[in-house]
N, C-alpha and C. Protein backbone atom coordinates (compact mmCIF):
# COMPACT_ATOMS: atom_id res chain seq x y z
N MET A 1 -53.03 -12.98 -39.27
CA MET A 1 -53.87 -13.67 -38.32
C MET A 1 -55.24 -13.00 -38.33
N ILE A 2 -56.27 -13.84 -38.36
CA ILE A 2 -57.63 -13.33 -38.32
C ILE A 2 -58.29 -13.77 -37.02
N ILE A 3 -58.78 -12.81 -36.28
CA ILE A 3 -59.42 -13.08 -34.99
C ILE A 3 -60.87 -12.64 -35.09
N LYS A 4 -61.77 -13.51 -34.62
CA LYS A 4 -63.19 -13.18 -34.63
C LYS A 4 -63.75 -13.27 -33.21
N ILE A 5 -64.62 -12.32 -32.91
CA ILE A 5 -65.36 -12.35 -31.65
C ILE A 5 -66.80 -12.68 -32.03
N LEU A 6 -67.28 -13.82 -31.55
CA LEU A 6 -68.65 -14.23 -31.86
C LEU A 6 -69.54 -13.86 -30.69
N GLY A 7 -70.64 -13.18 -30.98
CA GLY A 7 -71.59 -12.80 -29.95
C GLY A 7 -72.61 -11.85 -30.52
N THR A 8 -73.75 -11.80 -29.88
CA THR A 8 -74.85 -11.00 -30.41
C THR A 8 -74.80 -9.53 -30.01
N GLY A 9 -73.73 -9.11 -29.37
CA GLY A 9 -73.58 -7.71 -29.01
C GLY A 9 -73.83 -7.42 -27.54
N CYS A 10 -73.82 -8.44 -26.72
CA CYS A 10 -74.04 -8.26 -25.27
C CYS A 10 -72.81 -7.60 -24.64
N PRO A 11 -72.93 -7.14 -23.39
CA PRO A 11 -71.78 -6.51 -22.72
C PRO A 11 -70.56 -7.43 -22.63
N ASN A 12 -70.77 -8.72 -22.43
CA ASN A 12 -69.64 -9.66 -22.37
C ASN A 12 -68.91 -9.74 -23.70
N CYS A 13 -69.65 -9.70 -24.79
CA CYS A 13 -69.04 -9.75 -26.12
C CYS A 13 -68.21 -8.48 -26.35
N LYS A 14 -68.75 -7.36 -25.94
CA LYS A 14 -68.02 -6.10 -26.09
C LYS A 14 -66.75 -6.10 -25.25
N LYS A 15 -66.83 -6.65 -24.04
CA LYS A 15 -65.66 -6.72 -23.16
C LYS A 15 -64.60 -7.64 -23.77
N LEU A 16 -65.01 -8.76 -24.33
CA LEU A 16 -64.06 -9.67 -24.99
C LEU A 16 -63.39 -8.97 -26.17
N TYR A 17 -64.16 -8.20 -26.92
CA TYR A 17 -63.58 -7.45 -28.04
C TYR A 17 -62.52 -6.48 -27.54
N GLU A 18 -62.84 -5.74 -26.47
CA GLU A 18 -61.87 -4.78 -25.91
C GLU A 18 -60.63 -5.48 -25.40
N ASN A 19 -60.81 -6.59 -24.68
CA ASN A 19 -59.65 -7.33 -24.15
C ASN A 19 -58.78 -7.87 -25.29
N THR A 20 -59.42 -8.31 -26.35
CA THR A 20 -58.67 -8.83 -27.50
C THR A 20 -57.88 -7.72 -28.17
N LYS A 21 -58.51 -6.57 -28.30
CA LYS A 21 -57.84 -5.41 -28.89
C LYS A 21 -56.61 -5.02 -28.06
N LYS A 22 -56.77 -5.02 -26.73
CA LYS A 22 -55.65 -4.71 -25.83
C LYS A 22 -54.53 -5.73 -25.99
N ALA A 23 -54.89 -7.00 -26.08
CA ALA A 23 -53.89 -8.07 -26.22
C ALA A 23 -53.07 -7.87 -27.49
N ILE A 24 -53.74 -7.55 -28.57
CA ILE A 24 -53.04 -7.34 -29.84
C ILE A 24 -52.10 -6.15 -29.76
N GLU A 25 -52.55 -5.09 -29.10
CA GLU A 25 -51.71 -3.91 -28.92
C GLU A 25 -50.50 -4.23 -28.03
N MET A 26 -50.74 -4.95 -26.94
CA MET A 26 -49.66 -5.31 -26.02
C MET A 26 -48.60 -6.15 -26.72
N GLY A 27 -49.03 -7.10 -27.53
CA GLY A 27 -48.10 -8.01 -28.19
C GLY A 27 -47.64 -7.54 -29.55
N GLN A 28 -48.18 -6.39 -29.99
CA GLN A 28 -47.85 -5.86 -31.32
C GLN A 28 -47.99 -6.94 -32.38
N VAL A 29 -49.13 -7.62 -32.34
CA VAL A 29 -49.41 -8.71 -33.25
C VAL A 29 -50.12 -8.16 -34.48
N ALA A 30 -49.71 -8.64 -35.64
CA ALA A 30 -50.39 -8.26 -36.88
C ALA A 30 -51.63 -9.12 -37.03
N ALA A 31 -52.76 -8.53 -36.72
CA ALA A 31 -54.01 -9.30 -36.77
C ALA A 31 -55.17 -8.37 -37.12
N SER A 32 -56.18 -8.96 -37.69
CA SER A 32 -57.43 -8.25 -37.95
C SER A 32 -58.49 -8.84 -37.04
N ILE A 33 -59.28 -7.96 -36.41
CA ILE A 33 -60.34 -8.42 -35.51
C ILE A 33 -61.69 -8.13 -36.16
N TYR A 34 -62.55 -9.14 -36.14
CA TYR A 34 -63.90 -8.98 -36.68
C TYR A 34 -64.92 -9.38 -35.62
N LYS A 35 -65.98 -8.61 -35.51
CA LYS A 35 -67.10 -8.97 -34.65
C LYS A 35 -68.13 -9.68 -35.52
N VAL A 36 -68.57 -10.83 -35.07
CA VAL A 36 -69.58 -11.59 -35.80
C VAL A 36 -70.82 -11.64 -34.92
N GLU A 37 -71.86 -10.94 -35.33
CA GLU A 37 -73.09 -10.86 -34.53
C GLU A 37 -74.25 -11.63 -35.16
N ASP A 38 -74.09 -12.09 -36.38
CA ASP A 38 -75.14 -12.82 -37.07
C ASP A 38 -75.25 -14.24 -36.48
N VAL A 39 -76.42 -14.57 -35.96
CA VAL A 39 -76.61 -15.85 -35.27
C VAL A 39 -76.34 -17.03 -36.20
N ARG A 40 -76.76 -16.94 -37.45
CA ARG A 40 -76.52 -18.04 -38.39
C ARG A 40 -75.02 -18.26 -38.61
N GLU A 41 -74.28 -17.17 -38.66
CA GLU A 41 -72.83 -17.26 -38.83
C GLU A 41 -72.18 -17.87 -37.57
N ILE A 42 -72.68 -17.45 -36.39
CA ILE A 42 -72.16 -17.98 -35.13
C ILE A 42 -72.41 -19.48 -35.03
N MET A 43 -73.58 -19.93 -35.48
CA MET A 43 -73.94 -21.35 -35.41
C MET A 43 -73.00 -22.23 -36.23
N LYS A 44 -72.34 -21.67 -37.22
CA LYS A 44 -71.40 -22.45 -38.04
C LYS A 44 -70.22 -22.96 -37.22
N TYR A 45 -69.95 -22.31 -36.08
CA TYR A 45 -68.84 -22.71 -35.23
C TYR A 45 -69.25 -23.74 -34.18
N LYS A 46 -70.53 -24.13 -34.20
CA LYS A 46 -71.06 -25.17 -33.32
C LYS A 46 -70.80 -24.86 -31.84
N VAL A 47 -71.08 -23.62 -31.45
CA VAL A 47 -70.96 -23.21 -30.06
C VAL A 47 -72.35 -22.91 -29.52
N MET A 48 -72.56 -23.20 -28.24
CA MET A 48 -73.87 -22.99 -27.64
C MET A 48 -73.88 -21.79 -26.70
N THR A 49 -72.72 -21.23 -26.43
CA THR A 49 -72.63 -20.10 -25.51
C THR A 49 -71.67 -19.05 -26.08
N THR A 50 -71.94 -17.82 -25.76
CA THR A 50 -71.08 -16.72 -26.20
C THR A 50 -70.65 -15.93 -24.97
N PRO A 51 -69.64 -15.13 -25.05
CA PRO A 51 -68.85 -14.80 -26.23
C PRO A 51 -67.87 -15.91 -26.58
N VAL A 52 -67.41 -15.85 -27.82
CA VAL A 52 -66.46 -16.85 -28.33
C VAL A 52 -65.32 -16.11 -29.01
N LEU A 53 -64.12 -16.60 -28.77
CA LEU A 53 -62.94 -16.05 -29.44
C LEU A 53 -62.41 -17.10 -30.42
N VAL A 54 -62.28 -16.70 -31.67
CA VAL A 54 -61.82 -17.59 -32.74
C VAL A 54 -60.54 -17.01 -33.32
N ILE A 55 -59.51 -17.84 -33.38
CA ILE A 55 -58.25 -17.42 -33.99
C ILE A 55 -58.01 -18.30 -35.20
N ASP A 56 -57.91 -17.67 -36.35
CA ASP A 56 -57.70 -18.39 -37.62
C ASP A 56 -58.64 -19.60 -37.73
N GLU A 57 -59.90 -19.35 -37.46
CA GLU A 57 -61.00 -20.33 -37.60
C GLU A 57 -60.99 -21.43 -36.53
N LYS A 58 -60.18 -21.29 -35.50
CA LYS A 58 -60.16 -22.25 -34.39
C LYS A 58 -60.77 -21.59 -33.15
N VAL A 59 -61.77 -22.23 -32.55
CA VAL A 59 -62.38 -21.71 -31.32
C VAL A 59 -61.41 -21.93 -30.18
N VAL A 60 -61.00 -20.84 -29.52
CA VAL A 60 -60.02 -20.95 -28.43
C VAL A 60 -60.62 -20.62 -27.06
N PHE A 61 -61.66 -19.80 -27.01
CA PHE A 61 -62.36 -19.52 -25.76
C PHE A 61 -63.84 -19.44 -26.07
N LYS A 62 -64.66 -19.99 -25.18
CA LYS A 62 -66.11 -19.82 -25.35
C LYS A 62 -66.77 -19.71 -23.99
N GLY A 63 -67.72 -18.80 -23.91
CA GLY A 63 -68.49 -18.61 -22.69
C GLY A 63 -67.77 -17.94 -21.55
N LYS A 64 -66.65 -17.30 -21.83
CA LYS A 64 -65.95 -16.56 -20.78
C LYS A 64 -65.18 -15.39 -21.37
N ILE A 65 -64.73 -14.53 -20.46
CA ILE A 65 -63.98 -13.34 -20.89
C ILE A 65 -62.57 -13.44 -20.34
N PRO A 66 -61.65 -13.96 -21.11
CA PRO A 66 -60.26 -14.04 -20.64
C PRO A 66 -59.63 -12.65 -20.57
N SER A 67 -58.63 -12.52 -19.72
CA SER A 67 -57.91 -11.24 -19.60
C SER A 67 -57.08 -11.00 -20.87
N PRO A 68 -56.67 -9.75 -21.09
CA PRO A 68 -55.81 -9.49 -22.24
C PRO A 68 -54.53 -10.33 -22.21
N GLU A 69 -54.00 -10.56 -21.01
CA GLU A 69 -52.78 -11.36 -20.88
C GLU A 69 -53.02 -12.81 -21.33
N ASP A 70 -54.15 -13.38 -20.91
CA ASP A 70 -54.48 -14.75 -21.32
C ASP A 70 -54.73 -14.84 -22.82
N ILE A 71 -55.36 -13.83 -23.37
CA ILE A 71 -55.60 -13.82 -24.82
C ILE A 71 -54.28 -13.74 -25.57
N LEU A 72 -53.38 -12.88 -25.10
CA LEU A 72 -52.08 -12.74 -25.76
C LEU A 72 -51.30 -14.05 -25.70
N LYS A 73 -51.34 -14.70 -24.53
CA LYS A 73 -50.66 -15.99 -24.38
C LYS A 73 -51.22 -17.00 -25.40
N THR A 74 -52.52 -17.01 -25.54
CA THR A 74 -53.16 -17.93 -26.49
C THR A 74 -52.79 -17.59 -27.93
N ILE A 75 -52.75 -16.31 -28.24
CA ILE A 75 -52.35 -15.89 -29.59
C ILE A 75 -50.93 -16.38 -29.90
N PHE A 76 -50.02 -16.19 -28.95
CA PHE A 76 -48.63 -16.64 -29.17
C PHE A 76 -48.57 -18.16 -29.32
N ASN A 77 -49.34 -18.88 -28.51
CA ASN A 77 -49.37 -20.35 -28.63
C ASN A 77 -49.88 -20.77 -30.00
N GLU A 78 -50.90 -20.10 -30.48
CA GLU A 78 -51.44 -20.43 -31.81
C GLU A 78 -50.42 -20.13 -32.90
N MET A 79 -49.67 -19.05 -32.74
CA MET A 79 -48.63 -18.71 -33.71
C MET A 79 -47.54 -19.78 -33.72
N LEU A 80 -47.15 -20.24 -32.52
CA LEU A 80 -46.14 -21.30 -32.43
C LEU A 80 -46.63 -22.58 -33.06
N ASN A 81 -47.88 -22.96 -32.77
CA ASN A 81 -48.44 -24.18 -33.34
C ASN A 81 -48.52 -24.10 -34.85
N LYS A 82 -48.85 -22.93 -35.35
CA LYS A 82 -48.96 -22.75 -36.79
C LYS A 82 -47.58 -22.93 -37.45
N ASN A 83 -46.54 -22.41 -36.80
CA ASN A 83 -45.19 -22.54 -37.34
C ASN A 83 -44.70 -23.99 -37.30
N LYS A 84 -45.13 -24.75 -36.26
CA LYS A 84 -44.74 -26.16 -36.17
C LYS A 84 -45.36 -26.96 -37.30
N ASP A 85 -46.60 -26.62 -37.64
CA ASP A 85 -47.33 -27.35 -38.68
C ASP A 85 -46.79 -27.08 -40.08
N SER A 86 -46.17 -25.92 -40.26
CA SER A 86 -45.72 -25.59 -41.63
C SER A 86 -44.27 -25.95 -41.87
């Protein structure tokens, strides 16, 4: 699983990164987290507000900082959806 945090490096982006890291640790999920701070790269996701959480190229949260529990719940939902599709 590839998780990206989109944002230019503001405190909210950093908080989302930390919450995502906690969620992965709590759920013992095999995932790689990347911070994307390049504005041109962020624009490819067609979002107008940051921070943004992207799981396997799907935007799941934008413009807010979900708790680690909410992020973990979303990660598990995405894993379930991925298994249904395959």
